[in-house]
Amino acid sequence: MNPVLEKDRETQLKTSYITFLQAHEKEKPQDIDSMLARVNAENDYVMLKSSALKEKQFTPDQLKGMENELSHQFQARKQAQEKDQYQEDYKQEVLEVMKQPSEETQYKQLFKQSLLAQLGISDEKDSSKEAKKEAEAEKAPVEKQIKQETPQEKEQRLAKMKEFEQKHSFDKVYQLKKEVLQELKGLNLTDSQREKLTKLEKGLDTEKKDHDKQKKEEKSQNGFTKFFARNNGAFSSKKRKETQEIER
């Protein structure tokens, strides 16, 4: 039996050692198959290593150097793969977040849902293409039945809207509501629906005027308070100085 050439033996050793590293990486506790795969791979490498040493094709230091080099390469590839996987996972997370509507968009959707329920119509996105064409051809008003909102759904919707309103200024909330109202004005509404929408908008505008008036009054009150405190302080200082002069 011809001895294995040194070059072939080196290839065998490297392949066997890499197989052992991979099996060791994949080994999992309580998984018998992965444990056996690691043990078999390790035994195969040990046998090849013993033969190479016995035939004096390599010295222990040469084999140790080969193992260190392969281990380093294996870990470098592993880290690169993990980095690539992390970047891919992060990319997917960012894309998922971008797909989700912003807080402002969600609030507008909730407010729109509230208005549509009050007007007794469904979201225009829910209508079929045939219904759209038919309404457009006949210029017929939009008047579709909307799915009845359960008390629990309504409570959840109102809670979400309230949470947003507490975190944002009145002016911001007012702006978003006006945007929704302008959007709904573009629907082909009945006269009664349009009248109701107009009343809702007037109510919102009245609320805005009251809010601005209150802010103006508070600002004026604060200014007066500061002015009074400043002048009162100056008066008190002057009074103390006069008293001190009298005492002298």
C-alpha atoms as a PDB file:
ATOM      1  CA  MET A   1       0.000   0.000   0.000  1.00  0.00           C
ATOM      2  CA  ASN A   2       1.540   3.255  -1.139  1.00  0.00           C
ATOM      3  CA  PRO A   3       1.864   5.944   1.518  1.00  0.00           C
ATOM      4  CA  VAL A   4      -0.287   9.044   1.115  1.00  0.00           C
ATOM      5  CA  LEU A   5       1.580  11.937  -0.420  1.00  0.00           C
ATOM      6  CA  GLU A   6       2.318  14.844   1.920  1.00  0.00           C
ATOM      7  CA  LYS A   7       0.259  17.294  -0.185  1.00  0.00           C
ATOM      8  CA  ASP A   8      -2.741  14.976  -0.213  1.00  0.00           C
ATOM      9  CA  ARG A   9      -2.355  14.375   3.512  1.00  0.00           C
ATOM     10  CA  GLU A  10      -2.373  18.121   4.148  1.00  0.00           C
ATOM     11  CA  THR A  11      -5.607  18.483   2.171  1.00  0.00           C
ATOM     12  CA  GLN A  12      -7.156  15.600   4.106  1.00  0.00           C
ATOM     13  CA  LEU A  13      -6.120  17.079   7.423  1.00  0.00           C
ATOM     14  CA  LYS A  14      -7.461  20.531   6.609  1.00  0.00           C
ATOM     15  CA  THR A  15     -10.762  19.178   5.297  1.00  0.00           C
ATOM     16  CA  SER A  16     -11.167  16.892   8.310  1.00  0.00           C
ATOM     17  CA  TYR A  17     -10.345  19.633  10.793  1.00  0.00           C
ATOM     18  CA  ILE A  18     -12.800  22.080   9.193  1.00  0.00           C
ATOM     19  CA  THR A  19     -15.478  19.362   9.289  1.00  0.00           C
ATOM     20  CA  PHE A  20     -14.749  18.920  13.000  1.00  0.00           C
ATOM     21  CA  LEU A  21     -15.016  22.707  13.618  1.00  0.00           C
ATOM     22  CA  GLN A  22     -18.359  22.834  11.808  1.00  0.00           C
ATOM     23  CA  ALA A  23     -19.700  19.832  13.740  1.00  0.00           C
ATOM     24  CA  HIS A  24     -18.538  21.387  16.995  1.00  0.00           C
ATOM     25  CA  GLU A  25     -20.308  24.643  16.105  1.00  0.00           C
ATOM     26  CA  LYS A  26     -23.569  22.841  15.280  1.00  0.00           C
ATOM     27  CA  GLU A  27     -23.513  20.622  18.363  1.00  0.00           C
ATOM     28  CA  LYS A  28     -26.431  21.274  20.693  1.00  0.00           C
ATOM     29  CA  PRO A  29     -27.020  20.059  24.249  1.00  0.00           C
ATOM     30  CA  GLN A  30     -29.483  17.158  24.499  1.00  0.00           C
ATOM     31  CA  ASP A  31     -29.272  16.634  20.717  1.00  0.00           C
ATOM     32  CA  ILE A  32     -27.816  13.131  20.297  1.00  0.00           C
ATOM     33  CA  ASP A  33     -27.397  13.381  16.531  1.00  0.00           C
ATOM     34  CA  SER A  34     -25.365  16.590  16.728  1.00  0.00           C
ATOM     35  CA  MET A  35     -23.236  15.128  19.521  1.00  0.00           C
ATOM     36  CA  LEU A  36     -22.504  11.962  17.508  1.00  0.00           C
ATOM     37  CA  ALA A  37     -21.636  14.046  14.439  1.00  0.00           C
ATOM     38  CA  ARG A  38     -19.136  16.038  16.469  1.00  0.00           C
ATOM     39  CA  VAL A  39     -17.616  12.910  18.055  1.00  0.00           C
ATOM     40  CA  ASN A  40     -17.246  11.152  14.674  1.00  0.00           C
ATOM     41  CA  ALA A  41     -15.693  14.229  13.070  1.00  0.00           C
ATOM     42  CA  GLU A  42     -13.278  14.589  15.962  1.00  0.00           C
ATOM     43  CA  ASN A  43     -12.296  10.896  15.819  1.00  0.00           C
ATOM     44  CA  ASP A  44     -11.695  11.089  12.074  1.00  0.00           C
ATOM     45  CA  TYR A  45      -9.388  14.068  12.496  1.00  0.00           C
ATOM     46  CA  VAL A  46      -7.498  12.503  15.410  1.00  0.00           C
ATOM     47  CA  MET A  47      -6.847   9.360  13.324  1.00  0.00           C
ATOM     48  CA  LEU A  48      -5.556  11.398  10.365  1.00  0.00           C
ATOM     49  CA  LYS A  49      -3.426  13.497  12.672  1.00  0.00           C
ATOM     50  CA  SER A  50      -1.928  10.391  14.321  1.00  0.00           C
ATOM     51  CA  SER A  51      -1.105   8.879  10.921  1.00  0.00           C
ATOM     52  CA  ALA A  52       0.571  12.092   9.759  1.00  0.00           C
ATOM     53  CA  LEU A  53       2.700  12.214  12.900  1.00  0.00           C
ATOM     54  CA  LYS A  54       3.483   8.511  12.747  1.00  0.00           C
ATOM     55  CA  GLU A  55       4.604   8.773   9.127  1.00  0.00           C
ATOM     56  CA  LYS A  56       6.573  11.899  10.066  1.00  0.00           C
ATOM     57  CA  GLN A  57       4.939  13.924   7.321  1.00  0.00           C
ATOM     58  CA  PHE A  58       4.321  16.793   9.747  1.00  0.00           C
ATOM     59  CA  THR A  59       5.702  17.851  13.089  1.00  0.00           C
ATOM     60  CA  PRO A  60       3.414  18.596  16.077  1.00  0.00           C
ATOM     61  CA  ASP A  61       4.230  22.313  15.722  1.00  0.00           C
ATOM     62  CA  GLN A  62       3.247  22.292  12.040  1.00  0.00           C
ATOM     63  CA  LEU A  63      -0.082  20.658  12.822  1.00  0.00           C
ATOM     64  CA  LYS A  64      -0.686  23.053  15.709  1.00  0.00           C
ATOM     65  CA  GLY A  65       0.010  25.988  13.409  1.00  0.00           C
ATOM     66  CA  MET A  66      -2.388  24.594  10.803  1.00  0.00           C
ATOM     67  CA  GLU A  67      -5.118  24.150  13.409  1.00  0.00           C
ATOM     68  CA  ASN A  68      -4.663  27.717  14.707  1.00  0.00           C
ATOM     69  CA  GLU A  69      -4.813  29.149  11.201  1.00  0.00           C
ATOM     70  CA  LEU A  70      -7.946  27.191  10.282  1.00  0.00           C
ATOM     71  CA  SER A  71      -9.623  28.048  13.581  1.00  0.00           C
ATOM     72  CA  HIS A  72      -8.911  31.741  13.003  1.00  0.00           C
ATOM     73  CA  GLN A  73     -10.290  31.586   9.450  1.00  0.00           C
ATOM     74  CA  PHE A  74     -13.363  29.696  10.648  1.00  0.00           C
ATOM     75  CA  GLN A  75     -14.130  32.265  13.356  1.00  0.00           C
ATOM     76  CA  ALA A  76     -13.552  35.153  10.935  1.00  0.00           C
ATOM     77  CA  ARG A  77     -16.034  33.658   8.445  1.00  0.00           C
ATOM     78  CA  LYS A  78     -18.503  33.005  11.248  1.00  0.00           C
ATOM     79  CA  GLN A  79     -18.321  36.608  12.468  1.00  0.00           C
ATOM     80  CA  ALA A  80     -18.687  37.913   8.910  1.00  0.00           C
ATOM     81  CA  GLN A  81     -21.773  35.733   8.390  1.00  0.00           C
ATOM     82  CA  GLU A  82     -23.243  36.843  11.715  1.00  0.00           C
ATOM     83  CA  LYS A  83     -22.590  40.481  10.775  1.00  0.00           C
ATOM     84  CA  ASP A  84     -24.250  40.006   7.407  1.00  0.00           C
ATOM     85  CA  GLN A  85     -27.185  38.281   9.068  1.00  0.00           C
ATOM     86  CA  TYR A  86     -27.447  41.056  11.679  1.00  0.00           C
ATOM     87  CA  GLN A  87     -27.425  43.708   8.959  1.00  0.00           C
ATOM     88  CA  GLU A  88     -30.076  41.809   7.025  1.00  0.00           C
ATOM     89  CA  ASP A  89     -32.244  41.407  10.140  1.00  0.00           C
ATOM     90  CA  TYR A  90     -31.810  45.098  10.986  1.00  0.00           C
ATOM     91  CA  LYS A  91     -32.713  46.045   7.431  1.00  0.00           C
ATOM     92  CA  GLN A  92     -35.891  43.967   7.655  1.00  0.00           C
ATOM     93  CA  GLU A  93     -36.797  45.573  10.990  1.00  0.00           C
ATOM     94  CA  VAL A  94     -36.363  49.056   9.519  1.00  0.00           C
ATOM     95  CA  LEU A  95     -38.505  48.117   6.519  1.00  0.00           C
ATOM     96  CA  GLU A  96     -41.221  46.762   8.819  1.00  0.00           C
ATOM     97  CA  VAL A  97     -41.186  49.981  10.851  1.00  0.00           C
ATOM     98  CA  MET A  98     -41.387  52.034   7.664  1.00  0.00           C
ATOM     99  CA  LYS A  99     -44.402  50.008   6.569  1.00  0.00           C
ATOM    100  CA  GLN A 100     -46.215  50.866   9.778  1.00  0.00           C
ATOM    101  CA  PRO A 101     -48.151  54.148   9.712  1.00  0.00           C
ATOM    102  CA  SER A 102     -46.862  56.998  11.865  1.00  0.00           C
ATOM    103  CA  GLU A 103     -48.659  58.086  15.031  1.00  0.00           C
ATOM    104  CA  GLU A 104     -50.104  61.045  13.167  1.00  0.00           C
ATOM    105  CA  THR A 105     -51.384  58.840  10.342  1.00  0.00           C
ATOM    106  CA  GLN A 106     -52.913  56.405  12.835  1.00  0.00           C
ATOM    107  CA  TYR A 107     -54.669  59.273  14.644  1.00  0.00           C
ATOM    108  CA  LYS A 108     -56.052  60.621  11.373  1.00  0.00           C
ATOM    109  CA  GLN A 109     -57.340  57.148  10.502  1.00  0.00           C
ATOM    110  CA  LEU A 110     -59.047  56.846  13.894  1.00  0.00           C
ATOM    111  CA  PHE A 111     -60.615  60.308  13.607  1.00  0.00           C
ATOM    112  CA  LYS A 112     -61.711  59.548  10.061  1.00  0.00           C
ATOM    113  CA  GLN A 113     -63.295  56.321  11.277  1.00  0.00           C
ATOM    114  CA  SER A 114     -65.173  58.324  13.911  1.00  0.00           C
ATOM    115  CA  LEU A 115     -66.480  60.825  11.352  1.00  0.00           C
ATOM    116  CA  LEU A 116     -67.479  58.128   8.876  1.00  0.00           C
ATOM    117  CA  ALA A 117     -69.437  56.382  11.608  1.00  0.00           C
ATOM    118  CA  GLN A 118     -71.255  59.629  12.405  1.00  0.00           C
ATOM    119  CA  LEU A 119     -72.006  60.182   8.726  1.00  0.00           C
ATOM    120  CA  GLY A 120     -73.167  56.579   8.316  1.00  0.00           C
ATOM    121  CA  ILE A 121     -70.836  55.707   5.437  1.00  0.00           C
ATOM    122  CA  SER A 122     -67.950  53.309   4.914  1.00  0.00           C
ATOM    123  CA  ASP A 123     -64.374  54.096   3.979  1.00  0.00           C
ATOM    124  CA  GLU A 124     -64.060  54.780   0.279  1.00  0.00           C
ATOM    125  CA  LYS A 125     -61.224  52.228   0.128  1.00  0.00           C
ATOM    126  CA  ASP A 126     -63.693  49.459   0.965  1.00  0.00           C
ATOM    127  CA  SER A 127     -65.916  50.060  -2.032  1.00  0.00           C
ATOM    128  CA  SER A 128     -65.612  47.791  -5.045  1.00  0.00           C
ATOM    129  CA  LYS A 129     -64.439  48.997  -8.465  1.00  0.00           C
ATOM    130  CA  GLU A 130     -67.881  48.353  -9.898  1.00  0.00           C
ATOM    131  CA  ALA A 131     -69.564  50.459  -7.216  1.00  0.00           C
ATOM    132  CA  LYS A 132     -67.091  53.281  -7.823  1.00  0.00           C
ATOM    133  CA  LYS A 133     -67.698  53.245 -11.569  1.00  0.00           C
ATOM    134  CA  GLU A 134     -71.435  53.101 -11.079  1.00  0.00           C
ATOM    135  CA  ALA A 135     -71.470  56.000  -8.635  1.00  0.00           C
ATOM    136  CA  GLU A 136     -69.216  58.057 -10.868  1.00  0.00           C
ATOM    137  CA  ALA A 137     -71.333  57.376 -13.974  1.00  0.00           C
ATOM    138  CA  GLU A 138     -74.568  58.307 -12.212  1.00  0.00           C
ATOM    139  CA  LYS A 139     -72.984  61.014 -10.040  1.00  0.00           C
ATOM    140  CA  ALA A 140     -74.851  59.354  -7.231  1.00  0.00           C
ATOM    141  CA  PRO A 141     -74.155  60.287  -3.601  1.00  0.00           C
ATOM    142  CA  VAL A 142     -72.076  57.897  -1.555  1.00  0.00           C
ATOM    143  CA  GLU A 143     -74.244  56.190   1.028  1.00  0.00           C
ATOM    144  CA  LYS A 144     -72.999  52.731   2.039  1.00  0.00           C
ATOM    145  CA  GLN A 145     -73.670  50.920   5.254  1.00  0.00           C
ATOM    146  CA  ILE A 146     -70.704  50.811   7.605  1.00  0.00           C
ATOM    147  CA  LYS A 147     -69.916  47.830   9.806  1.00  0.00           C
ATOM    148  CA  GLN A 148     -71.321  48.497  13.261  1.00  0.00           C
ATOM    149  CA  GLU A 149     -68.537  49.272  15.740  1.00  0.00           C
ATOM    150  CA  THR A 150     -68.717  47.228  18.925  1.00  0.00           C
ATOM    151  CA  PRO A 151     -68.584  49.034  22.296  1.00  0.00           C
ATOM    152  CA  GLN A 152     -65.174  47.478  22.950  1.00  0.00           C
ATOM    153  CA  GLU A 153     -63.810  48.646  19.580  1.00  0.00           C
ATOM    154  CA  LYS A 154     -65.161  52.136  20.177  1.00  0.00           C
ATOM    155  CA  GLU A 155     -63.609  52.239  23.637  1.00  0.00           C
ATOM    156  CA  GLN A 156     -60.235  51.168  22.231  1.00  0.00           C
ATOM    157  CA  ARG A 157     -60.432  53.756  19.458  1.00  0.00           C
ATOM    158  CA  LEU A 158     -61.284  56.575  21.865  1.00  0.00           C
ATOM    159  CA  ALA A 159     -58.493  55.485  24.233  1.00  0.00           C
ATOM    160  CA  LYS A 160     -55.928  55.590  21.415  1.00  0.00           C
ATOM    161  CA  MET A 161     -57.126  59.014  20.290  1.00  0.00           C
ATOM    162  CA  LYS A 162     -57.030  60.339  23.857  1.00  0.00           C
ATOM    163  CA  GLU A 163     -53.492  59.012  24.324  1.00  0.00           C
ATOM    164  CA  PHE A 164     -52.331  60.833  21.189  1.00  0.00           C
ATOM    165  CA  GLU A 165     -54.108  64.069  22.193  1.00  0.00           C
ATOM    166  CA  GLN A 166     -52.433  64.014  25.614  1.00  0.00           C
ATOM    167  CA  LYS A 167     -48.986  63.724  24.029  1.00  0.00           C
ATOM    168  CA  HIS A 168     -49.481  66.443  21.407  1.00  0.00           C
ATOM    169  CA  SER A 169     -50.534  70.078  21.423  1.00  0.00           C
ATOM    170  CA  PHE A 170     -54.080  71.186  20.708  1.00  0.00           C
ATOM    171  CA  ASP A 171     -52.876  72.990  17.576  1.00  0.00           C
ATOM    172  CA  LYS A 172     -51.346  69.775  16.210  1.00  0.00           C
ATOM    173  CA  VAL A 173     -54.512  67.785  16.873  1.00  0.00           C
ATOM    174  CA  TYR A 174     -56.605  70.535  15.289  1.00  0.00           C
ATOM    175  CA  GLN A 175     -54.397  70.508  12.180  1.00  0.00           C
ATOM    176  CA  LEU A 176     -54.776  66.736  11.737  1.00  0.00           C
ATOM    177  CA  LYS A 177     -58.536  66.882  12.223  1.00  0.00           C
ATOM    178  CA  LYS A 178     -58.841  69.652   9.628  1.00  0.00           C
ATOM    179  CA  GLU A 179     -56.860  67.527   7.158  1.00  0.00           C
ATOM    180  CA  VAL A 180     -59.307  64.645   7.652  1.00  0.00           C
ATOM    181  CA  LEU A 181     -62.296  66.959   7.230  1.00  0.00           C
ATOM    182  CA  GLN A 182     -60.864  68.327   3.983  1.00  0.00           C
ATOM    183  CA  GLU A 183     -60.343  64.770   2.769  1.00  0.00           C
ATOM    184  CA  LEU A 184     -63.944  63.786   3.523  1.00  0.00           C
ATOM    185  CA  LYS A 185     -65.237  66.857   1.716  1.00  0.00           C
ATOM    186  CA  GLY A 186     -63.931  65.250  -1.449  1.00  0.00           C
ATOM    187  CA  LEU A 187     -66.414  62.380  -1.128  1.00  0.00           C
ATOM    188  CA  ASN A 188     -69.660  62.458  -3.063  1.00  0.00           C
ATOM    189  CA  LEU A 189     -71.884  62.976  -0.011  1.00  0.00           C
ATOM    190  CA  THR A 190     -75.609  63.417   0.327  1.00  0.00           C
ATOM    191  CA  ASP A 191     -76.932  66.833   1.328  1.00  0.00           C
ATOM    192  CA  SER A 192     -77.616  65.657   4.872  1.00  0.00           C
ATOM    193  CA  GLN A 193     -74.154  64.124   5.179  1.00  0.00           C
ATOM    194  CA  ARG A 194     -72.480  67.275   3.872  1.00  0.00           C
ATOM    195  CA  GLU A 195     -74.546  69.413   6.255  1.00  0.00           C
ATOM    196  CA  LYS A 196     -73.547  67.234   9.177  1.00  0.00           C
ATOM    197  CA  LEU A 197     -69.888  67.383   8.149  1.00  0.00           C
ATOM    198  CA  THR A 198     -70.092  71.183   7.978  1.00  0.00           C
ATOM    199  CA  LYS A 199     -71.568  71.319  11.491  1.00  0.00           C
ATOM    200  CA  LEU A 200     -68.767  69.088  12.781  1.00  0.00           C
ATOM    201  CA  GLU A 201     -66.167  71.348  11.212  1.00  0.00           C
ATOM    202  CA  LYS A 202     -67.796  74.481  12.638  1.00  0.00           C
ATOM    203  CA  GLY A 203     -67.778  72.858  16.066  1.00  0.00           C
ATOM    204  CA  LEU A 204     -64.075  72.125  15.692  1.00  0.00           C
ATOM    205  CA  ASP A 205     -63.351  75.694  14.571  1.00  0.00           C
ATOM    206  CA  THR A 206     -65.317  77.062  17.528  1.00  0.00           C
ATOM    207  CA  GLU A 207     -63.267  74.880  19.849  1.00  0.00           C
ATOM    208  CA  LYS A 208     -60.107  76.275  18.233  1.00  0.00           C
ATOM    209  CA  LYS A 209     -61.256  79.879  18.718  1.00  0.00           C
ATOM    210  CA  ASP A 210     -62.062  79.205  22.369  1.00  0.00           C
ATOM    211  CA  HIS A 211     -58.670  77.602  22.847  1.00  0.00           C
ATOM    212  CA  ASP A 212     -56.835  80.536  21.223  1.00  0.00           C
ATOM    213  CA  LYS A 213     -58.870  83.013  23.273  1.00  0.00           C
ATOM    214  CA  GLN A 214     -58.021  81.165  26.484  1.00  0.00           C
ATOM    215  CA  LYS A 215     -54.312  81.078  25.567  1.00  0.00           C
ATOM    216  CA  LYS A 216     -54.382  84.824  24.851  1.00  0.00           C
ATOM    217  CA  GLU A 217     -56.086  85.542  28.168  1.00  0.00           C
ATOM    218  CA  GLU A 218     -53.592  83.362  30.044  1.00  0.00           C
ATOM    219  CA  LYS A 219     -50.722  85.127  28.312  1.00  0.00           C
ATOM    220  CA  SER A 220     -52.148  88.529  29.201  1.00  0.00           C
ATOM    221  CA  GLN A 221     -52.774  87.421  32.765  1.00  0.00           C
ATOM    222  CA  ASN A 222     -49.222  86.134  33.088  1.00  0.00           C
ATOM    223  CA  GLY A 223     -47.887  89.397  31.691  1.00  0.00           C
ATOM    224  CA  PHE A 224     -49.983  91.433  34.119  1.00  0.00           C
ATOM    225  CA  THR A 225     -48.879  89.239  37.024  1.00  0.00           C
ATOM    226  CA  LYS A 226     -45.225  89.712  36.143  1.00  0.00           C
ATOM    227  CA  PHE A 227     -45.715  93.451  35.687  1.00  0.00           C
ATOM    228  CA  PHE A 228     -47.505  93.736  39.023  1.00  0.00           C
ATOM    229  CA  ALA A 229     -44.856  91.663  40.799  1.00  0.00           C
ATOM    230  CA  ARG A 230     -42.053  93.732  39.272  1.00  0.00           C
ATOM    231  CA  ASN A 231     -43.647  97.068  40.147  1.00  0.00           C
ATOM    232  CA  ASN A 232     -44.755  95.854  43.532  1.00  0.00           C
ATOM    233  CA  GLY A 233     -41.181  94.822  44.238  1.00  0.00           C
ATOM    234  CA  ALA A 234     -39.886  98.214  43.157  1.00  0.00           C
ATOM    235  CA  PHE A 235     -42.512  99.935  45.326  1.00  0.00           C
ATOM    236  CA  SER A 236     -41.584  97.803  48.330  1.00  0.00           C
ATOM    237  CA  SER A 237     -37.919  98.564  47.841  1.00  0.00           C
ATOM    238  CA  LYS A 238     -38.630 102.283  47.636  1.00  0.00           C
ATOM    239  CA  LYS A 239     -40.840 102.069  50.728  1.00  0.00           C
ATOM    240  CA  ARG A 240     -38.101 100.273  52.675  1.00  0.00           C
ATOM    241  CA  LYS A 241     -35.574 102.927  51.692  1.00  0.00           C
ATOM    242  CA  GLU A 242     -37.884 105.729  52.840  1.00  0.00           C
ATOM    243  CA  THR A 243     -38.508 103.932  56.125  1.00  0.00           C
ATOM    244  CA  GLN A 244     -34.778 103.518  56.705  1.00  0.00           C
ATOM    245  CA  GLU A 245     -34.193 107.233  56.072  1.00  0.00           C
ATOM    246  CA  ILE A 246     -36.944 108.146  58.552  1.00  0.00           C
ATOM    247  CA  GLU A 247     -35.473 105.823  61.158  1.00  0.00           C
ATOM    248  CA  ARG A 248     -32.119 107.547  60.771  1.00  0.00           C
END
